[in-house]
Amino acid sequence: MVLDLPGKLFGQEDVREIVGEADTDLNTAHRTSAGTDHANVVTNTSGVATNVTAIALNTTHKGSDGSDHSKVSANETATALNTTHRSSAGTDHANVGSNNTHRTGNGSDHADVATNTAKAGNATHTGEVTGSAALTVADNVLDEANLKLNAATNGYVLTAQSGESGGLKWEAPVASGVTVPIGAVIAWLKSFTNTPALPGNFVECNGQVLSDGDSVYNGQTIPD
């Protein structure tokens, strides 16, 4: 209320002083939007609102339907994982855990695999040696590189020598029509140009011990 006196305006407190109205205490009650009191909230001496009693925290685990998850709250032992192999029908696959039998696509056993009784035959060979079971040497294919021989010299002939590891030996040919008795000594001008190698069954005499299993003089010292 404001009194309109000529020449002066009065506020509400001024009016109270004029009319002698008593001051109204500040209402500190907390109100809801509906106008009811928040009974649990009070004002401390600093003017800060204080919660009288907090609502206890509900630690109960709830399901989506609101029921308690009692095993979580009670810390009960979890159910052990079932590792049994199951079929789509729910029956046990007993063979998965213990049966190591080799199976075909229709479920029968691969007995030959388990006992290792089946053996594959030789693959087919081609080239100088041919065949798939009993192997044979093809005709007209072996050359010097396939034979176990001493080093070859042009003009030498292949002779049978039982003392050689392969039973064969390259030797200089003996002149046709010339017969030289065993133990004969011939002149050999080896230092001359174009002098051929010693013929077969001849050795140079230089005082060495002869080492030739095919010679009657094997193990004897050749005179110089």
C-alpha atoms as a PDB file:
ATOM      1  CA  MET A   1       0.000   0.000   0.000  1.00  0.00           C
ATOM      2  CA  VAL A   2       1.287   3.496  -0.891  1.00  0.00           C
ATOM      3  CA  LEU A   3      -0.150   6.722   0.442  1.00  0.00           C
ATOM      4  CA  ASP A   4      -0.335   9.501  -2.033  1.00  0.00           C
ATOM      5  CA  LEU A   5       0.470  12.615  -0.080  1.00  0.00           C
ATOM      6  CA  PRO A   6       0.892  15.863  -1.899  1.00  0.00           C
ATOM      7  CA  GLY A   7       4.536  16.347  -2.890  1.00  0.00           C
ATOM      8  CA  LYS A   8       5.875  12.947  -1.540  1.00  0.00           C
ATOM      9  CA  LEU A   9       5.936   9.263  -2.457  1.00  0.00           C
ATOM     10  CA  PHE A  10       6.211   6.588   0.212  1.00  0.00           C
ATOM     11  CA  GLY A  11       7.478   3.011  -0.122  1.00  0.00           C
ATOM     12  CA  GLN A  12       6.083   0.012   1.729  1.00  0.00           C
ATOM     13  CA  GLU A  13       8.468   0.271   4.726  1.00  0.00           C
ATOM     14  CA  ASP A  14       7.706   3.966   5.033  1.00  0.00           C
ATOM     15  CA  VAL A  15       4.036   3.221   5.113  1.00  0.00           C
ATOM     16  CA  ARG A  16       4.516   0.645   7.855  1.00  0.00           C
ATOM     17  CA  GLU A  17       6.267   3.183   9.971  1.00  0.00           C
ATOM     18  CA  ILE A  18       3.423   5.578   9.416  1.00  0.00           C
ATOM     19  CA  VAL A  19       0.638   3.128  10.148  1.00  0.00           C
ATOM     20  CA  GLY A  20       2.610   1.240  12.845  1.00  0.00           C
ATOM     21  CA  GLU A  21       2.396  -2.223  11.186  1.00  0.00           C
ATOM     22  CA  ALA A  22       4.680  -4.927  12.714  1.00  0.00           C
ATOM     23  CA  ASP A  23       7.438  -6.546  10.524  1.00  0.00           C
ATOM     24  CA  THR A  24       6.732 -10.047   9.193  1.00  0.00           C
ATOM     25  CA  ASP A  25       9.463 -12.737   9.774  1.00  0.00           C
ATOM     26  CA  LEU A  26      11.182 -14.213   6.721  1.00  0.00           C
ATOM     27  CA  ASN A  27       9.637 -17.569   5.838  1.00  0.00           C
ATOM     28  CA  THR A  28      12.541 -19.976   5.391  1.00  0.00           C
ATOM     29  CA  ALA A  29      10.425 -23.085   4.806  1.00  0.00           C
ATOM     30  CA  HIS A  30      11.379 -24.823   1.572  1.00  0.00           C
ATOM     31  CA  ARG A  31       8.420 -25.408  -0.621  1.00  0.00           C
ATOM     32  CA  THR A  32       7.668 -27.746  -3.451  1.00  0.00           C
ATOM     33  CA  SER A  33       6.058 -26.575  -6.653  1.00  0.00           C
ATOM     34  CA  ALA A  34       2.773 -27.703  -5.086  1.00  0.00           C
ATOM     35  CA  GLY A  35       3.311 -25.457  -2.059  1.00  0.00           C
ATOM     36  CA  THR A  36       4.066 -28.234   0.434  1.00  0.00           C
ATOM     37  CA  ASP A  37       7.066 -28.103   2.772  1.00  0.00           C
ATOM     38  CA  HIS A  38      10.336 -29.932   2.094  1.00  0.00           C
ATOM     39  CA  ALA A  39      10.432 -31.220   5.638  1.00  0.00           C
ATOM     40  CA  ASN A  40      13.835 -32.852   5.383  1.00  0.00           C
ATOM     41  CA  VAL A  41      15.595 -29.627   4.378  1.00  0.00           C
ATOM     42  CA  VAL A  42      16.540 -27.141   7.116  1.00  0.00           C
ATOM     43  CA  THR A  43      18.624 -23.988   7.180  1.00  0.00           C
ATOM     44  CA  ASN A  44      21.905 -24.010   9.158  1.00  0.00           C
ATOM     45  CA  THR A  45      23.358 -20.980  10.891  1.00  0.00           C
ATOM     46  CA  SER A  46      25.274 -20.009   7.761  1.00  0.00           C
ATOM     47  CA  GLY A  47      22.127 -19.842   5.723  1.00  0.00           C
ATOM     48  CA  VAL A  48      23.033 -22.944   3.678  1.00  0.00           C
ATOM     49  CA  ALA A  49      20.383 -25.584   3.183  1.00  0.00           C
ATOM     50  CA  THR A  50      21.375 -28.902   4.827  1.00  0.00           C
ATOM     51  CA  ASN A  51      20.003 -32.417   4.199  1.00  0.00           C
ATOM     52  CA  VAL A  52      18.871 -33.810   7.531  1.00  0.00           C
ATOM     53  CA  THR A  53      18.903 -37.537   6.707  1.00  0.00           C
ATOM     54  CA  ALA A  54      20.176 -38.984   3.443  1.00  0.00           C
ATOM     55  CA  ILE A  55      18.288 -41.890   1.952  1.00  0.00           C
ATOM     56  CA  ALA A  56      20.357 -45.103   2.171  1.00  0.00           C
ATOM     57  CA  LEU A  57      21.872 -46.301  -1.120  1.00  0.00           C
ATOM     58  CA  ASN A  58      20.105 -49.386  -2.428  1.00  0.00           C
ATOM     59  CA  THR A  59      22.816 -51.796  -3.584  1.00  0.00           C
ATOM     60  CA  THR A  60      20.461 -54.616  -4.509  1.00  0.00           C
ATOM     61  CA  HIS A  61      21.038 -55.751  -8.104  1.00  0.00           C
ATOM     62  CA  LYS A  62      17.820 -55.820 -10.026  1.00  0.00           C
ATOM     63  CA  GLY A  63      16.805 -57.617 -13.170  1.00  0.00           C
ATOM     64  CA  SER A  64      15.039 -55.907 -16.060  1.00  0.00           C
ATOM     65  CA  ASP A  65      11.769 -57.038 -14.506  1.00  0.00           C
ATOM     66  CA  GLY A  66      12.668 -55.530 -11.095  1.00  0.00           C
ATOM     67  CA  SER A  67      13.499 -58.834  -9.387  1.00  0.00           C
ATOM     68  CA  ASP A  68      16.639 -59.182  -7.268  1.00  0.00           C
ATOM     69  CA  HIS A  69      19.813 -60.659  -8.735  1.00  0.00           C
ATOM     70  CA  SER A  70      20.290 -62.613  -5.524  1.00  0.00           C
ATOM     71  CA  LYS A  71      23.394 -64.492  -6.698  1.00  0.00           C
ATOM     72  CA  VAL A  72      25.208 -61.268  -7.409  1.00  0.00           C
ATOM     73  CA  SER A  73      24.366 -59.863  -3.991  1.00  0.00           C
ATOM     74  CA  ALA A  74      25.273 -63.064  -2.116  1.00  0.00           C
ATOM     75  CA  ASN A  75      28.440 -63.702  -4.159  1.00  0.00           C
ATOM     76  CA  GLU A  76      27.448 -67.310  -4.785  1.00  0.00           C
ATOM     77  CA  THR A  77      29.757 -69.657  -6.708  1.00  0.00           C
ATOM     78  CA  ALA A  78      29.311 -69.338 -10.460  1.00  0.00           C
ATOM     79  CA  THR A  79      28.216 -72.383 -12.437  1.00  0.00           C
ATOM     80  CA  ALA A  80      31.198 -74.185 -14.024  1.00  0.00           C
ATOM     81  CA  LEU A  81      31.529 -73.893 -17.813  1.00  0.00           C
ATOM     82  CA  ASN A  82      30.275 -77.024 -19.564  1.00  0.00           C
ATOM     83  CA  THR A  83      32.883 -77.951 -22.192  1.00  0.00           C
ATOM     84  CA  THR A  84      31.097 -81.092 -23.405  1.00  0.00           C
ATOM     85  CA  HIS A  85      30.813 -81.119 -27.189  1.00  0.00           C
ATOM     86  CA  ARG A  86      27.191 -81.109 -28.200  1.00  0.00           C
ATOM     87  CA  SER A  87      25.357 -81.797 -31.427  1.00  0.00           C
ATOM     88  CA  SER A  88      22.604 -79.548 -32.727  1.00  0.00           C
ATOM     89  CA  ALA A  89      20.178 -81.972 -31.056  1.00  0.00           C
ATOM     90  CA  GLY A  90      21.841 -81.460 -27.651  1.00  0.00           C
ATOM     91  CA  THR A  91      23.470 -84.889 -27.450  1.00  0.00           C
ATOM     92  CA  ASP A  92      27.138 -85.351 -26.525  1.00  0.00           C
ATOM     93  CA  HIS A  93      29.762 -85.626 -29.278  1.00  0.00           C
ATOM     94  CA  ALA A  94      31.710 -88.365 -27.525  1.00  0.00           C
ATOM     95  CA  ASN A  95      34.070 -88.899 -30.455  1.00  0.00           C
ATOM     96  CA  VAL A  96      35.288 -85.320 -30.339  1.00  0.00           C
ATOM     97  CA  GLY A  97      36.837 -85.683 -26.912  1.00  0.00           C
ATOM     98  CA  SER A  98      38.449 -89.103 -27.187  1.00  0.00           C
ATOM     99  CA  ASN A  99      38.090 -90.763 -30.586  1.00  0.00           C
ATOM    100  CA  ASN A 100      41.052 -90.039 -32.869  1.00  0.00           C
ATOM    101  CA  THR A 101      39.981 -92.506 -35.585  1.00  0.00           C
ATOM    102  CA  HIS A 102      40.432 -91.126 -39.100  1.00  0.00           C
ATOM    103  CA  ARG A 103      37.096 -90.949 -40.882  1.00  0.00           C
ATOM    104  CA  THR A 104      35.981 -90.714 -44.493  1.00  0.00           C
ATOM    105  CA  GLY A 105      33.254 -88.408 -45.686  1.00  0.00           C
ATOM    106  CA  ASN A 106      30.651 -91.121 -45.068  1.00  0.00           C
ATOM    107  CA  GLY A 107      31.893 -91.789 -41.515  1.00  0.00           C
ATOM    108  CA  SER A 108      33.787 -95.028 -42.175  1.00  0.00           C
ATOM    109  CA  ASP A 109      37.274 -95.512 -40.764  1.00  0.00           C
ATOM    110  CA  HIS A 110      40.438 -94.848 -42.757  1.00  0.00           C
ATOM    111  CA  ALA A 111      42.016 -98.032 -41.416  1.00  0.00           C
ATOM    112  CA  ASP A 112      45.057 -97.763 -43.682  1.00  0.00           C
ATOM    113  CA  VAL A 113      45.857 -94.331 -42.338  1.00  0.00           C
ATOM    114  CA  ALA A 114      45.641 -95.405 -38.714  1.00  0.00           C
ATOM    115  CA  THR A 115      47.841 -98.507 -39.172  1.00  0.00           C
ATOM    116  CA  ASN A 116      50.034 -97.079 -41.964  1.00  0.00           C
ATOM    117  CA  THR A 117      49.766-100.299 -43.981  1.00  0.00           C
ATOM    118  CA  ALA A 118      49.133 -98.711 -47.368  1.00  0.00           C
ATOM    119  CA  LYS A 119      52.235 -97.640 -49.284  1.00  0.00           C
ATOM    120  CA  ALA A 120      52.360 -95.685 -52.498  1.00  0.00           C
ATOM    121  CA  GLY A 121      54.318 -97.224 -55.375  1.00  0.00           C
ATOM    122  CA  ASN A 122      57.212 -95.496 -57.114  1.00  0.00           C
ATOM    123  CA  ALA A 123      56.339 -92.617 -59.314  1.00  0.00           C
ATOM    124  CA  THR A 124      57.004 -93.129 -63.004  1.00  0.00           C
ATOM    125  CA  HIS A 125      60.652 -92.371 -63.843  1.00  0.00           C
ATOM    126  CA  THR A 126      61.765 -90.979 -67.167  1.00  0.00           C
ATOM    127  CA  GLY A 127      65.148 -90.251 -68.720  1.00  0.00           C
ATOM    128  CA  GLU A 128      68.111 -92.644 -68.509  1.00  0.00           C
ATOM    129  CA  VAL A 129      66.325 -94.797 -65.889  1.00  0.00           C
ATOM    130  CA  THR A 130      62.687 -95.594 -66.618  1.00  0.00           C
ATOM    131  CA  GLY A 131      59.820 -97.498 -65.034  1.00  0.00           C
ATOM    132  CA  SER A 132      57.350 -97.206 -62.174  1.00  0.00           C
ATOM    133  CA  ALA A 133      57.987-100.469 -60.310  1.00  0.00           C
ATOM    134  CA  ALA A 134      61.066-102.379 -61.540  1.00  0.00           C
ATOM    135  CA  LEU A 135      63.390 -99.708 -62.966  1.00  0.00           C
ATOM    136  CA  THR A 136      65.456-100.292 -66.100  1.00  0.00           C
ATOM    137  CA  VAL A 137      68.202 -98.377 -67.894  1.00  0.00           C
ATOM    138  CA  ALA A 138      67.123 -97.192 -71.304  1.00  0.00           C
ATOM    139  CA  ASP A 139      69.156 -98.183 -74.359  1.00  0.00           C
ATOM    140  CA  ASN A 140      71.772 -95.862 -75.834  1.00  0.00           C
ATOM    141  CA  VAL A 141      71.622 -93.217 -73.084  1.00  0.00           C
ATOM    142  CA  LEU A 142      74.626 -93.771 -70.787  1.00  0.00           C
ATOM    143  CA  ASP A 143      77.714 -91.665 -71.418  1.00  0.00           C
ATOM    144  CA  GLU A 144      81.162 -91.345 -69.835  1.00  0.00           C
ATOM    145  CA  ALA A 145      79.856 -89.126 -67.045  1.00  0.00           C
ATOM    146  CA  ASN A 146      77.611 -91.976 -65.857  1.00  0.00           C
ATOM    147  CA  LEU A 147      80.506 -94.479 -65.605  1.00  0.00           C
ATOM    148  CA  LYS A 148      82.941 -94.866 -62.742  1.00  0.00           C
ATOM    149  CA  LEU A 149      86.254 -94.344 -64.598  1.00  0.00           C
ATOM    150  CA  ASN A 150      89.639 -92.718 -64.283  1.00  0.00           C
ATOM    151  CA  ALA A 151      90.312 -89.476 -66.137  1.00  0.00           C
ATOM    152  CA  ALA A 152      90.068 -89.976 -69.886  1.00  0.00           C
ATOM    153  CA  THR A 153      92.679 -88.975 -72.467  1.00  0.00           C
ATOM    154  CA  ASN A 154      91.946 -88.588 -76.137  1.00  0.00           C
ATOM    155  CA  GLY A 155      92.997 -91.731 -78.026  1.00  0.00           C
ATOM    156  CA  TYR A 156      92.830 -93.985 -74.978  1.00  0.00           C
ATOM    157  CA  VAL A 157      90.748 -97.142 -74.981  1.00  0.00           C
ATOM    158  CA  LEU A 158      88.544 -98.539 -72.269  1.00  0.00           C
ATOM    159  CA  THR A 159      89.958-101.726 -70.790  1.00  0.00           C
ATOM    160  CA  ALA A 160      88.748-104.148 -68.148  1.00  0.00           C
ATOM    161  CA  GLN A 161      90.769-103.801 -64.958  1.00  0.00           C
ATOM    162  CA  SER A 162      89.600-105.731 -61.915  1.00  0.00           C
ATOM    163  CA  GLY A 163      91.819-103.613 -59.670  1.00  0.00           C
ATOM    164  CA  GLU A 164      89.859-100.428 -60.492  1.00  0.00           C
ATOM    165  CA  SER A 165      86.910 -99.468 -58.297  1.00  0.00           C
ATOM    166  CA  GLY A 166      84.592 -99.440 -61.299  1.00  0.00           C
ATOM    167  CA  GLY A 167      86.264-102.421 -63.029  1.00  0.00           C
ATOM    168  CA  LEU A 168      87.160-100.269 -66.061  1.00  0.00           C
ATOM    169  CA  LYS A 169      90.093 -98.072 -66.999  1.00  0.00           C
ATOM    170  CA  TRP A 170      91.141 -95.769 -69.818  1.00  0.00           C
ATOM    171  CA  GLU A 171      94.521 -96.819 -71.264  1.00  0.00           C
ATOM    172  CA  ALA A 172      96.695 -95.995 -74.260  1.00  0.00           C
ATOM    173  CA  PRO A 173      96.211 -98.545 -77.040  1.00  0.00           C
ATOM    174  CA  VAL A 174      98.983-101.013 -77.950  1.00  0.00           C
ATOM    175  CA  ALA A 175     100.247-100.731 -81.521  1.00  0.00           C
ATOM    176  CA  SER A 176      98.547-103.208 -83.776  1.00  0.00           C
ATOM    177  CA  GLY A 177     100.671-106.226 -84.738  1.00  0.00           C
ATOM    178  CA  VAL A 178     103.327-105.568 -82.071  1.00  0.00           C
ATOM    179  CA  THR A 179     103.737-108.156 -79.356  1.00  0.00           C
ATOM    180  CA  VAL A 180     105.860-107.145 -76.375  1.00  0.00           C
ATOM    181  CA  PRO A 181     106.660-109.804 -73.794  1.00  0.00           C
ATOM    182  CA  ILE A 182     105.934-109.172 -70.137  1.00  0.00           C
ATOM    183  CA  GLY A 183     108.967-107.617 -68.450  1.00  0.00           C
ATOM    184  CA  ALA A 184     110.354-106.117 -71.671  1.00  0.00           C
ATOM    185  CA  VAL A 185     111.907-102.641 -71.520  1.00  0.00           C
ATOM    186  CA  ILE A 186     111.493-100.233 -74.414  1.00  0.00           C
ATOM    187  CA  ALA A 187     113.021 -96.861 -75.128  1.00  0.00           C
ATOM    188  CA  TRP A 188     110.637 -93.978 -74.610  1.00  0.00           C
ATOM    189  CA  LEU A 189     111.763 -90.499 -75.532  1.00  0.00           C
ATOM    190  CA  LYS A 190     109.252 -88.680 -73.399  1.00  0.00           C
ATOM    191  CA  SER A 191     111.048 -85.318 -73.614  1.00  0.00           C
ATOM    192  CA  PHE A 192     110.743 -85.211 -77.394  1.00  0.00           C
ATOM    193  CA  THR A 193     107.982 -83.165 -78.920  1.00  0.00           C
ATOM    194  CA  ASN A 194     104.971 -85.169 -80.058  1.00  0.00           C
ATOM    195  CA  THR A 195     106.068 -88.328 -78.206  1.00  0.00           C
ATOM    196  CA  PRO A 196     102.830 -90.168 -77.404  1.00  0.00           C
ATOM    197  CA  ALA A 197     101.944 -91.506 -74.003  1.00  0.00           C
ATOM    198  CA  LEU A 198     103.156 -94.922 -72.956  1.00  0.00           C
ATOM    199  CA  PRO A 199     101.018 -97.702 -74.371  1.00  0.00           C
ATOM    200  CA  GLY A 200      98.804 -99.718 -72.111  1.00  0.00           C
ATOM    201  CA  ASN A 201     100.425-101.987 -69.528  1.00  0.00           C
ATOM    202  CA  PHE A 202     103.709 -99.986 -69.642  1.00  0.00           C
ATOM    203  CA  VAL A 203     105.111 -97.866 -66.810  1.00  0.00           C
ATOM    204  CA  GLU A 204     108.042 -95.503 -66.684  1.00  0.00           C
ATOM    205  CA  CYS A 205     111.138 -96.970 -64.985  1.00  0.00           C
ATOM    206  CA  ASN A 206     112.238 -94.531 -62.290  1.00  0.00           C
ATOM    207  CA  GLY A 207     112.995 -96.775 -59.320  1.00  0.00           C
ATOM    208  CA  GLN A 208     109.441 -96.779 -57.950  1.00  0.00           C
ATOM    209  CA  VAL A 209     107.543 -99.660 -56.384  1.00  0.00           C
ATOM    210  CA  LEU A 210     104.965-100.888 -58.865  1.00  0.00           C
ATOM    211  CA  SER A 211     101.384-100.661 -57.622  1.00  0.00           C
ATOM    212  CA  ASP A 212      99.217-102.463 -60.142  1.00  0.00           C
ATOM    213  CA  GLY A 213      97.005-105.307 -59.035  1.00  0.00           C
ATOM    214  CA  ASP A 214      96.763-106.602 -62.602  1.00  0.00           C
ATOM    215  CA  SER A 215     100.564-106.842 -63.105  1.00  0.00           C
ATOM    216  CA  VAL A 216     102.731-109.831 -62.257  1.00  0.00           C
ATOM    217  CA  TYR A 217     105.250-107.300 -60.916  1.00  0.00           C
ATOM    218  CA  ASN A 218     102.841-105.691 -58.468  1.00  0.00           C
ATOM    219  CA  GLY A 219     104.674-104.616 -55.297  1.00  0.00           C
ATOM    220  CA  GLN A 220     108.166-104.935 -56.825  1.00  0.00           C
ATOM    221  CA  THR A 221     110.681-102.098 -57.311  1.00  0.00           C
ATOM    222  CA  ILE A 222     111.135-101.047 -60.915  1.00  0.00           C
ATOM    223  CA  PRO A 223     114.832-100.413 -61.806  1.00  0.00           C
ATOM    224  CA  ASP A 224     115.830 -96.911 -62.743  1.00  0.00           C
END
